[in-house]
PDB file of all heavy atoms in Angstrom:
ATOM      1  N   ASP A   1       0.845  -1.194   0.000  1.00  0.00           N
ATOM      2  CA  ASP A   1       0.000   0.000   0.000  1.00  0.00           C
ATOM      3  C   ASP A   1       0.886   1.251   0.000  1.00  0.00           C
ATOM      4  O   ASP A   1       1.996   1.252   0.525  1.00  0.00           O
ATOM      5  CB  ASP A   1      -0.903   0.034   1.236  1.00  0.00           C
ATOM      6  CG  ASP A   1      -2.098  -0.903   1.105  1.00  0.00           C
ATOM      7  OD1 ASP A   1      -2.299  -1.390  -0.019  1.00  0.00           O
ATOM      8  OD2 ASP A   1      -2.798  -1.108   2.108  1.00  0.00           O
ATOM      9  N   VAL A   2       0.388   2.317  -0.590  1.00  0.00           N
ATOM     10  CA  VAL A   2       1.118   3.583  -0.655  1.00  0.00           C
ATOM     11  C   VAL A   2       0.315   4.652   0.076  1.00  0.00           C
ATOM     12  O   VAL A   2      -0.875   4.837  -0.179  1.00  0.00           O
ATOM     13  CB  VAL A   2       1.363   4.025  -2.112  1.00  0.00           C
ATOM     14  CG1 VAL A   2       2.056   5.383  -2.143  1.00  0.00           C
ATOM     15  CG2 VAL A   2       2.183   2.990  -2.857  1.00  0.00           C
ATOM     16  N   VAL A   3       0.992   5.353   1.007  1.00  0.00           N
ATOM     17  CA  VAL A   3       0.349   6.437   1.747  1.00  0.00           C
ATOM     18  C   VAL A   3       0.833   7.774   1.202  1.00  0.00           C
ATOM     19  O   VAL A   3       2.035   8.015   1.126  1.00  0.00           O
ATOM     20  CB  VAL A   3       0.657   6.353   3.256  1.00  0.00           C
ATOM     21  CG1 VAL A   3       0.006   7.525   3.993  1.00  0.00           C
ATOM     22  CG2 VAL A   3       0.167   5.031   3.824  1.00  0.00           C
ATOM     23  N   ILE A   4      -0.073   8.633   0.802  1.00  0.00           N
ATOM     24  CA  ILE A   4       0.270   9.950   0.258  1.00  0.00           C
ATOM     25  C   ILE A   4      -0.202  11.032   1.228  1.00  0.00           C
ATOM     26  O   ILE A   4      -1.383  11.075   1.591  1.00  0.00           O
ATOM     27  CB  ILE A   4      -0.368  10.176  -1.119  1.00  0.00           C
ATOM     28  CG1 ILE A   4       0.143   9.117  -2.115  1.00  0.00           C
ATOM     29  CG2 ILE A   4      -0.067  11.586  -1.632  1.00  0.00           C
ATOM     30  CD1 ILE A   4      -0.538   9.194  -3.472  1.00  0.00           C
ATOM     31  N   VAL A   5       0.731  11.882   1.663  1.00  0.00           N
ATOM     32  CA  VAL A   5       0.390  13.007   2.529  1.00  0.00           C
ATOM     33  C   VAL A   5       0.583  14.282   1.726  1.00  0.00           C
ATOM     34  O   VAL A   5       1.708  14.628   1.340  1.00  0.00           O
ATOM     35  CB  VAL A   5       1.282  13.045   3.787  1.00  0.00           C
ATOM     36  CG1 VAL A   5       0.904  14.228   4.660  1.00  0.00           C
ATOM     37  CG2 VAL A   5       1.150  11.736   4.567  1.00  0.00           C
ATOM     38  N   ARG A   6      -0.481  14.960   1.414  1.00  0.00           N
ATOM     39  CA  ARG A   6      -0.406  16.142   0.555  1.00  0.00           C
ATOM     40  C   ARG A   6       0.000  17.380   1.357  1.00  0.00           C
ATOM     41  O   ARG A   6      -0.266  17.473   2.552  1.00  0.00           O
ATOM     42  CB  ARG A   6      -1.753  16.393  -0.132  1.00  0.00           C
ATOM     43  CG  ARG A   6      -2.203  15.217  -0.999  1.00  0.00           C
ATOM     44  CD  ARG A   6      -3.445  15.555  -1.801  1.00  0.00           C
ATOM     45  NE  ARG A   6      -3.895  14.422  -2.565  1.00  0.00           N
ATOM     46  CZ  ARG A   6      -3.367  14.034  -3.731  1.00  0.00           C
ATOM     47  NH1 ARG A   6      -2.372  14.723  -4.260  1.00  0.00           N
ATOM     48  NH2 ARG A   6      -3.835  12.973  -4.364  1.00  0.00           N
ATOM     49  N   ASN A   7       0.651  18.331   0.638  1.00  0.00           N
ATOM     50  CA  ASN A   7       1.065  19.585   1.273  1.00  0.00           C
ATOM     51  C   ASN A   7      -0.142  20.462   1.585  1.00  0.00           C
ATOM     52  O   ASN A   7      -1.127  20.477   0.834  1.00  0.00           O
ATOM     53  CB  ASN A   7       2.010  20.364   0.340  1.00  0.00           C
ATOM     54  CG  ASN A   7       3.355  19.693   0.209  1.00  0.00           C
ATOM     55  OD1 ASN A   7       3.811  19.025   1.122  1.00  0.00           O
ATOM     56  ND2 ASN A   7       3.988  19.874  -0.949  1.00  0.00           N
ATOM     57  N   ASN A   8      -0.023  21.197   2.670  1.00  0.00           N
ATOM     58  CA  ASN A   8      -1.022  22.209   2.991  1.00  0.00           C
ATOM     59  C   ASN A   8      -0.882  23.347   1.979  1.00  0.00           C
ATOM     60  O   ASN A   8       0.194  23.934   1.838  1.00  0.00           O
ATOM     61  CB  ASN A   8      -0.775  22.737   4.411  1.00  0.00           C
ATOM     62  CG  ASN A   8      -1.843  23.719   4.850  1.00  0.00           C
ATOM     63  OD1 ASN A   8      -2.494  24.358   4.032  1.00  0.00           O
ATOM     64  ND2 ASN A   8      -2.008  23.846   6.159  1.00  0.00           N
ATOM     65  N   PRO A   9      -1.958  23.691   1.234  1.00  0.00           N
ATOM     66  CA  PRO A   9      -1.858  24.738   0.210  1.00  0.00           C
ATOM     67  C   PRO A   9      -1.360  26.079   0.745  1.00  0.00           C
ATOM     68  O   PRO A   9      -0.756  26.875   0.033  1.00  0.00           O
ATOM     69  CB  PRO A   9      -3.290  24.865  -0.322  1.00  0.00           C
ATOM     70  CG  PRO A   9      -3.933  23.565   0.022  1.00  0.00           C
ATOM     71  CD  PRO A   9      -3.307  23.118   1.312  1.00  0.00           C
ATOM     72  N   GLY A  10      -1.602  26.337   2.033  1.00  0.00           N
ATOM     73  CA  GLY A  10      -1.201  27.617   2.611  1.00  0.00           C
ATOM     74  C   GLY A  10       0.202  27.614   3.186  1.00  0.00           C
ATOM     75  O   GLY A  10       0.662  28.637   3.708  1.00  0.00           O
ATOM     76  N   TYR A  11       0.890  26.474   3.092  1.00  0.00           N
ATOM     77  CA  TYR A  11       2.233  26.377   3.691  1.00  0.00           C
ATOM     78  C   TYR A  11       3.302  26.552   2.625  1.00  0.00           C
ATOM     79  O   TYR A  11       3.171  26.061   1.509  1.00  0.00           O
ATOM     80  CB  TYR A  11       2.400  25.020   4.357  1.00  0.00           C
ATOM     81  CG  TYR A  11       3.802  24.756   4.872  1.00  0.00           C
ATOM     82  CD1 TYR A  11       4.215  25.269   6.096  1.00  0.00           C
ATOM     83  CD2 TYR A  11       4.709  24.030   4.105  1.00  0.00           C
ATOM     84  CE1 TYR A  11       5.502  25.050   6.563  1.00  0.00           C
ATOM     85  CE2 TYR A  11       6.009  23.803   4.566  1.00  0.00           C
ATOM     86  CZ  TYR A  11       6.393  24.313   5.786  1.00  0.00           C
ATOM     87  OH  TYR A  11       7.668  24.096   6.240  1.00  0.00           O
ATOM     88  N   PHE A  12       4.361  27.301   2.945  1.00  0.00           N
ATOM     89  CA  PHE A  12       5.500  27.372   2.041  1.00  0.00           C
ATOM     90  C   PHE A  12       6.788  27.322   2.852  1.00  0.00           C
ATOM     91  O   PHE A  12       6.836  27.713   4.016  1.00  0.00           O
ATOM     92  CB  PHE A  12       5.463  28.647   1.171  1.00  0.00           C
ATOM     93  CG  PHE A  12       5.605  29.930   1.930  1.00  0.00           C
ATOM     94  CD1 PHE A  12       6.838  30.543   2.056  1.00  0.00           C
ATOM     95  CD2 PHE A  12       4.500  30.543   2.512  1.00  0.00           C
ATOM     96  CE1 PHE A  12       6.971  31.741   2.749  1.00  0.00           C
ATOM     97  CE2 PHE A  12       4.629  31.730   3.204  1.00  0.00           C
ATOM     98  CZ  PHE A  12       5.872  32.335   3.329  1.00  0.00           C
ATOM     99  N   THR A  13       7.829  26.768   2.227  1.00  0.00           N
ATOM    100  CA  THR A  13       9.108  26.594   2.901  1.00  0.00           C
ATOM    101  C   THR A  13       9.661  27.945   3.340  1.00  0.00           C
ATOM    102  O   THR A  13       9.590  28.922   2.601  1.00  0.00           O
ATOM    103  CB  THR A  13      10.126  25.911   1.958  1.00  0.00           C
ATOM    104  OG1 THR A  13       9.555  24.697   1.483  1.00  0.00           O
ATOM    105  CG2 THR A  13      11.427  25.614   2.674  1.00  0.00           C
ATOM    106  N   GLN A  14      10.219  27.994   4.532  1.00  0.00           N
ATOM    107  CA  GLN A  14      10.749  29.256   5.067  1.00  0.00           C
ATOM    108  C   GLN A  14      11.887  29.771   4.191  1.00  0.00           C
ATOM    109  O   GLN A  14      12.824  29.036   3.878  1.00  0.00           O
ATOM    110  CB  GLN A  14      11.239  29.045   6.493  1.00  0.00           C
ATOM    111  CG  GLN A  14      11.616  30.337   7.198  1.00  0.00           C
ATOM    112  CD  GLN A  14      12.048  30.105   8.625  1.00  0.00           C
ATOM    113  OE1 GLN A  14      13.188  29.759   8.894  1.00  0.00           O
ATOM    114  NE2 GLN A  14      11.114  30.278   9.562  1.00  0.00           N
ATOM    115  N   LYS A  15      11.789  31.026   3.791  1.00  0.00           N
ATOM    116  CA  LYS A  15      12.799  31.655   2.948  1.00  0.00           C
ATOM    117  C   LYS A  15      13.269  32.949   3.606  1.00  0.00           C
ATOM    118  O   LYS A  15      12.483  33.613   4.290  1.00  0.00           O
ATOM    119  CB  LYS A  15      12.238  31.940   1.553  1.00  0.00           C
ATOM    120  CG  LYS A  15      11.770  30.687   0.819  1.00  0.00           C
ATOM    121  CD  LYS A  15      11.169  31.023  -0.530  1.00  0.00           C
ATOM    122  CE  LYS A  15      10.686  29.762  -1.230  1.00  0.00           C
ATOM    123  NZ  LYS A  15      10.069  30.053  -2.557  1.00  0.00           N
ATOM    124  N   THR A  16      14.512  33.276   3.387  1.00  0.00           N
ATOM    125  CA  THR A  16      15.065  34.480   4.026  1.00  0.00           C
ATOM    126  C   THR A  16      15.734  35.397   3.012  1.00  0.00           C
ATOM    127  O   THR A  16      16.234  34.943   1.972  1.00  0.00           O
ATOM    128  CB  THR A  16      16.101  34.113   5.112  1.00  0.00           C
ATOM    129  OG1 THR A  16      17.187  33.395   4.496  1.00  0.00           O
ATOM    130  CG2 THR A  16      15.476  33.264   6.191  1.00  0.00           C
ATOM    131  N   VAL A  17      15.731  36.684   3.342  1.00  0.00           N
ATOM    132  CA  VAL A  17      16.483  37.682   2.584  1.00  0.00           C
ATOM    133  C   VAL A  17      17.331  38.456   3.595  1.00  0.00           C
ATOM    134  O   VAL A  17      17.022  38.472   4.788  1.00  0.00           O
ATOM    135  CB  VAL A  17      15.569  38.645   1.804  1.00  0.00           C
ATOM    136  CG1 VAL A  17      14.735  37.901   0.797  1.00  0.00           C
ATOM    137  CG2 VAL A  17      14.678  39.429   2.758  1.00  0.00           C
ATOM    138  N   THR A  18      18.374  39.085   3.107  1.00  0.00           N
ATOM    139  CA  THR A  18      19.256  39.853   3.987  1.00  0.00           C
ATOM    140  C   THR A  18      19.253  41.319   3.559  1.00  0.00           C
ATOM    141  O   THR A  18      19.411  41.613   2.365  1.00  0.00           O
ATOM    142  CB  THR A  18      20.692  39.304   3.945  1.00  0.00           C
ATOM    143  OG1 THR A  18      20.676  37.924   4.325  1.00  0.00           O
ATOM    144  CG2 THR A  18      21.596  40.069   4.903  1.00  0.00           C
ATOM    145  N   VAL A  19      19.074  42.208   4.507  1.00  0.00           N
ATOM    146  CA  VAL A  19      19.120  43.647   4.239  1.00  0.00           C
ATOM    147  C   VAL A  19      20.398  44.198   4.873  1.00  0.00           C
ATOM    148  O   VAL A  19      20.632  44.037   6.072  1.00  0.00           O
ATOM    149  CB  VAL A  19      17.886  44.368   4.823  1.00  0.00           C
ATOM    150  CG1 VAL A  19      17.925  45.854   4.445  1.00  0.00           C
ATOM    151  CG2 VAL A  19      16.607  43.725   4.325  1.00  0.00           C
ATOM    152  N   GLN A  20      21.225  44.834   4.057  1.00  0.00           N
ATOM    153  CA  GLN A  20      22.501  45.364   4.523  1.00  0.00           C
ATOM    154  C   GLN A  20      22.578  46.867   4.266  1.00  0.00           C
ATOM    155  O   GLN A  20      21.871  47.404   3.419  1.00  0.00           O
ATOM    156  CB  GLN A  20      23.667  44.672   3.795  1.00  0.00           C
ATOM    157  CG  GLN A  20      23.739  43.169   4.003  1.00  0.00           C
ATOM    158  CD  GLN A  20      24.835  42.521   3.190  1.00  0.00           C
ATOM    159  OE1 GLN A  20      25.311  43.079   2.201  1.00  0.00           O
ATOM    160  NE2 GLN A  20      25.256  41.323   3.597  1.00  0.00           N
ATOM    161  N   GLY A  21      23.459  47.523   5.001  1.00  0.00           N
ATOM    162  CA  GLY A  21      23.725  48.933   4.736  1.00  0.00           C
ATOM    163  C   GLY A  21      22.920  49.887   5.575  1.00  0.00           C
ATOM    164  O   GLY A  21      22.630  49.629   6.754  1.00  0.00           O
ATOM    165  N   GLU A  22      22.510  51.002   4.954  1.00  0.00           N
ATOM    166  CA  GLU A  22      21.957  52.155   5.663  1.00  0.00           C
ATOM    167  C   GLU A  22      20.458  52.060   5.910  1.00  0.00           C
ATOM    168  O   GLU A  22      19.666  52.869   5.432  1.00  0.00           O
ATOM    169  CB  GLU A  22      22.302  53.429   4.893  1.00  0.00           C
ATOM    170  CG  GLU A  22      23.794  53.648   4.698  1.00  0.00           C
ATOM    171  CD  GLU A  22      24.540  53.688   6.024  1.00  0.00           C
ATOM    172  OE1 GLU A  22      24.266  54.599   6.818  1.00  0.00           O
ATOM    173  OE2 GLU A  22      25.383  52.804   6.260  1.00  0.00           O
ATOM    174  N   VAL A  23      20.063  51.035   6.697  1.00  0.00           N
ATOM    175  CA  VAL A  23      18.702  50.935   7.213  1.00  0.00           C
ATOM    176  C   VAL A  23      18.802  50.866   8.735  1.00  0.00           C
ATOM    177  O   VAL A  23      19.870  50.592   9.284  1.00  0.00           O
ATOM    178  CB  VAL A  23      17.963  49.694   6.662  1.00  0.00           C
ATOM    179  CG1 VAL A  23      17.724  49.827   5.178  1.00  0.00           C
ATOM    180  CG2 VAL A  23      18.752  48.419   6.969  1.00  0.00           C
ATOM    181  N   LEU A  24      17.697  51.103   9.424  1.00  0.00           N
ATOM    182  CA  LEU A  24      17.754  51.146  10.890  1.00  0.00           C
ATOM    183  C   LEU A  24      18.074  49.790  11.508  1.00  0.00           C
ATOM    184  O   LEU A  24      18.812  49.696  12.484  1.00  0.00           O
ATOM    185  CB  LEU A  24      16.428  51.683  11.442  1.00  0.00           C
ATOM    186  CG  LEU A  24      16.137  53.165  11.180  1.00  0.00           C
ATOM    187  CD1 LEU A  24      14.806  53.561  11.801  1.00  0.00           C
ATOM    188  CD2 LEU A  24      17.265  54.042  11.744  1.00  0.00           C
ATOM    189  N   TYR A  25      17.511  48.732  10.918  1.00  0.00           N
ATOM    190  CA  TYR A  25      17.713  47.399  11.497  1.00  0.00           C
ATOM    191  C   TYR A  25      18.182  46.412  10.416  1.00  0.00           C
ATOM    192  O   TYR A  25      17.388  45.594   9.928  1.00  0.00           O
ATOM    193  CB  TYR A  25      16.411  46.903  12.139  1.00  0.00           C
ATOM    194  CG  TYR A  25      15.814  47.880  13.120  1.00  0.00           C
ATOM    195  CD1 TYR A  25      14.633  48.558  12.822  1.00  0.00           C
ATOM    196  CD2 TYR A  25      16.437  48.140  14.345  1.00  0.00           C
ATOM    197  CE1 TYR A  25      14.095  49.469  13.716  1.00  0.00           C
ATOM    198  CE2 TYR A  25      15.911  49.055  15.238  1.00  0.00           C
ATOM    199  CZ  TYR A  25      14.740  49.719  14.920  1.00  0.00           C
ATOM    200  OH  TYR A  25      14.212  50.628  15.804  1.00  0.00           O
ATOM    201  N   PRO A  26      19.457  46.472  10.033  1.00  0.00           N
ATOM    202  CA  PRO A  26      19.963  45.536   9.025  1.00  0.00           C
ATOM    203  C   PRO A  26      20.020  44.110   9.578  1.00  0.00           C
ATOM    204  O   PRO A  26      20.075  43.901  10.792  1.00  0.00           O
ATOM    205  CB  PRO A  26      21.368  46.076   8.732  1.00  0.00           C
ATOM    206  CG  PRO A  26      21.763  46.820   9.965  1.00  0.00           C
ATOM    207  CD  PRO A  26      20.505  47.391  10.524  1.00  0.00           C
ATOM    208  N   GLY A  27      19.995  43.131   8.677  1.00  0.00           N
ATOM    209  CA  GLY A  27      20.099  41.740   9.092  1.00  0.00           C
ATOM    210  C   GLY A  27      19.216  40.844   8.250  1.00  0.00           C
ATOM    211  O   GLY A  27      18.575  41.289   7.287  1.00  0.00           O
ATOM    212  N   PRO A  28      19.153  39.553   8.606  1.00  0.00           N
ATOM    213  CA  PRO A  28      18.320  38.610   7.853  1.00  0.00           C
ATOM    214  C   PRO A  28      16.847  38.734   8.239  1.00  0.00           C
ATOM    215  O   PRO A  28      16.528  39.003   9.411  1.00  0.00           O
ATOM    216  CB  PRO A  28      18.887  37.242   8.269  1.00  0.00           C
ATOM    217  CG  PRO A  28      19.476  37.471   9.623  1.00  0.00           C
ATOM    218  CD  PRO A  28      19.967  38.890   9.636  1.00  0.00           C
ATOM    219  N   TYR A  29      15.970  38.529   7.273  1.00  0.00           N
ATOM    220  CA  TYR A  29      14.522  38.578   7.512  1.00  0.00           C
ATOM    221  C   TYR A  29      13.865  37.388   6.824  1.00  0.00           C
ATOM    222  O   TYR A  29      14.208  37.048   5.683  1.00  0.00           O
ATOM    223  CB  TYR A  29      13.918  39.878   6.957  1.00  0.00           C
ATOM    224  CG  TYR A  29      14.244  41.090   7.796  1.00  0.00           C
ATOM    225  CD1 TYR A  29      15.445  41.776   7.612  1.00  0.00           C
ATOM    226  CD2 TYR A  29      13.359  41.552   8.765  1.00  0.00           C
ATOM    227  CE1 TYR A  29      15.760  42.885   8.385  1.00  0.00           C
ATOM    228  CE2 TYR A  29      13.669  42.673   9.540  1.00  0.00           C
ATOM    229  CZ  TYR A  29      14.867  43.324   9.347  1.00  0.00           C
ATOM    230  OH  TYR A  29      15.170  44.408  10.123  1.00  0.00           O
ATOM    231  N   VAL A  30      12.919  36.775   7.524  1.00  0.00           N
ATOM    232  CA  VAL A  30      12.138  35.692   6.930  1.00  0.00           C
ATOM    233  C   VAL A  30      11.047  36.297   6.061  1.00  0.00           C
ATOM    234  O   VAL A  30      10.340  37.223   6.487  1.00  0.00           O
ATOM    235  CB  VAL A  30      11.506  34.798   8.023  1.00  0.00           C
ATOM    236  CG1 VAL A  30      10.604  33.739   7.393  1.00  0.00           C
ATOM    237  CG2 VAL A  30      12.591  34.137   8.855  1.00  0.00           C
ATOM    238  N   ILE A  31      10.918  35.799   4.834  1.00  0.00           N
ATOM    239  CA  ILE A  31       9.879  36.301   3.934  1.00  0.00           C
ATOM    240  C   ILE A  31       8.517  35.861   4.462  1.00  0.00           C
ATOM    241  O   ILE A  31       8.275  34.680   4.718  1.00  0.00           O
ATOM    242  CB  ILE A  31      10.104  35.756   2.506  1.00  0.00           C
ATOM    243  CG1 ILE A  31      11.440  36.257   1.957  1.00  0.00           C
ATOM    244  CG2 ILE A  31       8.960  36.172   1.579  1.00  0.00           C
ATOM    245  CD1 ILE A  31      11.794  35.705   0.590  1.00  0.00           C
ATOM    246  N   ASN A  32       7.605  36.834   4.627  1.00  0.00           N
ATOM    247  CA  ASN A  32       6.310  36.554   5.242  1.00  0.00           C
ATOM    248  C   ASN A  32       5.306  35.893   4.304  1.00  0.00           C
ATOM    249  O   ASN A  32       4.385  35.214   4.744  1.00  0.00           O
ATOM    250  CB  ASN A  32       5.690  37.842   5.783  1.00  0.00           C
ATOM    251  CG  ASN A  32       6.346  38.272   7.092  1.00  0.00           C
ATOM    252  OD1 ASN A  32       6.905  37.448   7.814  1.00  0.00           O
ATOM    253  ND2 ASN A  32       6.284  39.560   7.393  1.00  0.00           N
ATOM    254  N   SER A  33       5.454  36.119   3.003  1.00  0.00           N
ATOM    255  CA  SER A  33       4.498  35.570   2.041  1.00  0.00           C
ATOM    256  C   SER A  33       5.196  35.315   0.712  1.00  0.00           C
ATOM    257  O   SER A  33       6.341  35.732   0.503  1.00  0.00           O
ATOM    258  CB  SER A  33       3.321  36.537   1.836  1.00  0.00           C
ATOM    259  OG  SER A  33       3.776  37.756   1.273  1.00  0.00           O
ATOM    260  N   THR A  34       4.523  34.650  -0.187  1.00  0.00           N
ATOM    261  CA  THR A  34       5.121  34.316  -1.482  1.00  0.00           C
ATOM    262  C   THR A  34       5.277  35.530  -2.387  1.00  0.00           C
ATOM    263  O   THR A  34       5.974  35.456  -3.398  1.00  0.00           O
ATOM    264  CB  THR A  34       4.265  33.265  -2.210  1.00  0.00           C
ATOM    265  OG1 THR A  34       2.917  33.753  -2.335  1.00  0.00           O
ATOM    266  CG2 THR A  34       4.264  31.945  -1.443  1.00  0.00           C
ATOM    267  N   ASP A  35       4.615  36.629  -2.033  1.00  0.00           N
ATOM    268  CA  ASP A  35       4.694  37.820  -2.884  1.00  0.00           C
ATOM    269  C   ASP A  35       5.193  39.048  -2.116  1.00  0.00           C
ATOM    270  O   ASP A  35       4.852  40.179  -2.451  1.00  0.00           O
ATOM    271  CB  ASP A  35       3.342  38.120  -3.536  1.00  0.00           C
ATOM    272  CG  ASP A  35       2.245  38.389  -2.506  1.00  0.00           C
ATOM    273  OD1 ASP A  35       2.494  38.153  -1.302  1.00  0.00           O
ATOM    274  OD2 ASP A  35       1.150  38.831  -2.903  1.00  0.00           O
ATOM    275  N   GLU A  36       6.024  38.828  -1.080  1.00  0.00           N
ATOM    276  CA  GLU A  36       6.566  39.972  -0.347  1.00  0.00           C
ATOM    277  C   GLU A  36       7.522  40.762  -1.233  1.00  0.00           C
ATOM    278  O   GLU A  36       8.370  40.186  -1.930  1.00  0.00           O
ATOM    279  CB  GLU A  36       7.285  39.530   0.929  1.00  0.00           C
ATOM    280  CG  GLU A  36       7.797  40.707   1.740  1.00  0.00           C
ATOM    281  CD  GLU A  36       7.970  40.400   3.206  1.00  0.00           C
ATOM    282  OE1 GLU A  36       8.067  39.209   3.555  1.00  0.00           O
ATOM    283  OE2 GLU A  36       8.033  41.350   4.014  1.00  0.00           O
ATOM    284  N   LYS A  37       7.419  42.089  -1.187  1.00  0.00           N
ATOM    285  CA  LYS A  37       8.164  42.952  -2.105  1.00  0.00           C
ATOM    286  C   LYS A  37       9.218  43.797  -1.393  1.00  0.00           C
ATOM    287  O   LYS A  37       9.317  43.805  -0.165  1.00  0.00           O
ATOM    288  CB  LYS A  37       7.189  43.850  -2.869  1.00  0.00           C
ATOM    289  CG  LYS A  37       6.199  43.073  -3.730  1.00  0.00           C
ATOM    290  CD  LYS A  37       5.301  43.996  -4.535  1.00  0.00           C
ATOM    291  CE  LYS A  37       4.364  43.208  -5.438  1.00  0.00           C
ATOM    292  NZ  LYS A  37       3.511  44.103  -6.255  1.00  0.00           N
ATOM    293  N   LEU A  38       9.994  44.502  -2.199  1.00  0.00           N
ATOM    294  CA  LEU A  38      11.069  45.355  -1.689  1.00  0.00           C
ATOM    295  C   LEU A  38      10.557  46.363  -0.661  1.00  0.00           C
ATOM    296  O   LEU A  38      11.151  46.537   0.405  1.00  0.00           O
ATOM    297  CB  LEU A  38      11.732  46.102  -2.854  1.00  0.00           C
ATOM    298  CG  LEU A  38      12.598  45.286  -3.809  1.00  0.00           C
ATOM    299  CD1 LEU A  38      12.946  46.130  -5.033  1.00  0.00           C
ATOM    300  CD2 LEU A  38      13.863  44.820  -3.108  1.00  0.00           C
ATOM    301  N   SER A  39       9.449  47.036  -0.988  1.00  0.00           N
ATOM    302  CA  SER A  39       8.930  48.084  -0.101  1.00  0.00           C
ATOM    303  C   SER A  39       8.577  47.513   1.264  1.00  0.00           C
ATOM    304  O   SER A  39       8.782  48.162   2.298  1.00  0.00           O
ATOM    305  CB  SER A  39       7.702  48.746  -0.730  1.00  0.00           C
ATOM    306  OG  SER A  39       6.704  47.770  -1.028  1.00  0.00           O
ATOM    307  N   SER A  40       8.063  46.284   1.289  1.00  0.00           N
ATOM    308  CA  SER A  40       7.676  45.653   2.544  1.00  0.00           C
ATOM    309  C   SER A  40       8.894  45.363   3.414  1.00  0.00           C
ATOM    310  O   SER A  40       8.891  45.643   4.616  1.00  0.00           O
ATOM    311  CB  SER A  40       6.917  44.351   2.259  1.00  0.00           C
ATOM    312  OG  SER A  40       6.713  43.616   3.448  1.00  0.00           O
ATOM    313  N   ILE A  41       9.955  44.824   2.818  1.00  0.00           N
ATOM    314  CA  ILE A  41      11.127  44.442   3.609  1.00  0.00           C
ATOM    315  C   ILE A  41      11.860  45.673   4.133  1.00  0.00           C
ATOM    316  O   ILE A  41      12.425  45.655   5.227  1.00  0.00           O
ATOM    317  CB  ILE A  41      12.065  43.529   2.782  1.00  0.00           C
ATOM    318  CG1 ILE A  41      12.853  42.595   3.718  1.00  0.00           C
ATOM    319  CG2 ILE A  41      13.004  44.306   1.914  1.00  0.00           C
ATOM    320  CD1 ILE A  41      12.035  41.541   4.376  1.00  0.00           C
ATOM    321  N   ILE A  42      11.853  46.765   3.357  1.00  0.00           N
ATOM    322  CA  ILE A  42      12.485  48.005   3.830  1.00  0.00           C
ATOM    323  C   ILE A  42      11.707  48.578   5.012  1.00  0.00           C
ATOM    324  O   ILE A  42      12.292  49.049   5.996  1.00  0.00           O
ATOM    325  CB  ILE A  42      12.569  49.040   2.689  1.00  0.00           C
ATOM    326  CG1 ILE A  42      13.600  48.604   1.649  1.00  0.00           C
ATOM    327  CG2 ILE A  42      12.938  50.422   3.233  1.00  0.00           C
ATOM    328  CD1 ILE A  42      15.024  48.554   2.159  1.00  0.00           C
ATOM    329  N   SER A  43      10.395  48.497   4.947  1.00  0.00           N
ATOM    330  CA  SER A  43       9.572  48.971   6.066  1.00  0.00           C
ATOM    331  C   SER A  43       9.835  48.141   7.317  1.00  0.00           C
ATOM    332  O   SER A  43       9.947  48.674   8.423  1.00  0.00           O
ATOM    333  CB  SER A  43       8.083  48.901   5.694  1.00  0.00           C
ATOM    334  OG  SER A  43       7.791  49.777   4.620  1.00  0.00           O
ATOM    335  N   ARG A  44       9.965  46.826   7.143  1.00  0.00           N
ATOM    336  CA  ARG A  44      10.234  45.947   8.289  1.00  0.00           C
ATOM    337  C   ARG A  44      11.630  46.214   8.870  1.00  0.00           C
ATOM    338  O   ARG A  44      11.866  45.991  10.061  1.00  0.00           O
ATOM    339  CB  ARG A  44      10.114  44.479   7.851  1.00  0.00           C
ATOM    340  CG  ARG A  44       8.687  44.048   7.563  1.00  0.00           C
ATOM    341  CD  ARG A  44       8.640  42.668   6.950  1.00  0.00           C
ATOM    342  NE  ARG A  44       9.224  41.667   7.846  1.00  0.00           N
ATOM    343  CZ  ARG A  44       9.517  40.417   7.453  1.00  0.00           C
ATOM    344  NH1 ARG A  44       9.300  40.047   6.196  1.00  0.00           N
ATOM    345  NH2 ARG A  44      10.032  39.561   8.319  1.00  0.00           N
ATOM    346  N   ALA A  45      12.548  46.684   8.006  1.00  0.00           N
ATOM    347  CA  ALA A  45      13.905  46.993   8.471  1.00  0.00           C
ATOM    348  C   ALA A  45      13.993  48.389   9.080  1.00  0.00           C
ATOM    349  O   ALA A  45      15.088  48.869   9.370  1.00  0.00           O
ATOM    350  CB  ALA A  45      14.895  46.857   7.312  1.00  0.00           C
ATOM    351  N   GLY A  46      12.864  49.062   9.235  1.00  0.00           N
ATOM    352  CA  GLY A  46      12.834  50.357   9.908  1.00  0.00           C
ATOM    353  C   GLY A  46      13.008  51.550   9.009  1.00  0.00           C
ATOM    354  O   GLY A  46      13.041  52.688   9.476  1.00  0.00           O
TER     355      GLY A  46
END
């Protein structure tokens, strides 16, 4: 017998980006969604 466990459609593998330089809080950030954009990550970096 074969058991198949399907992925949760709302789940995605954790991904990170790094913000460096002249922002208030530089460092690595986990991407919050599949369509997170530049403006969002800069806001999160202060």
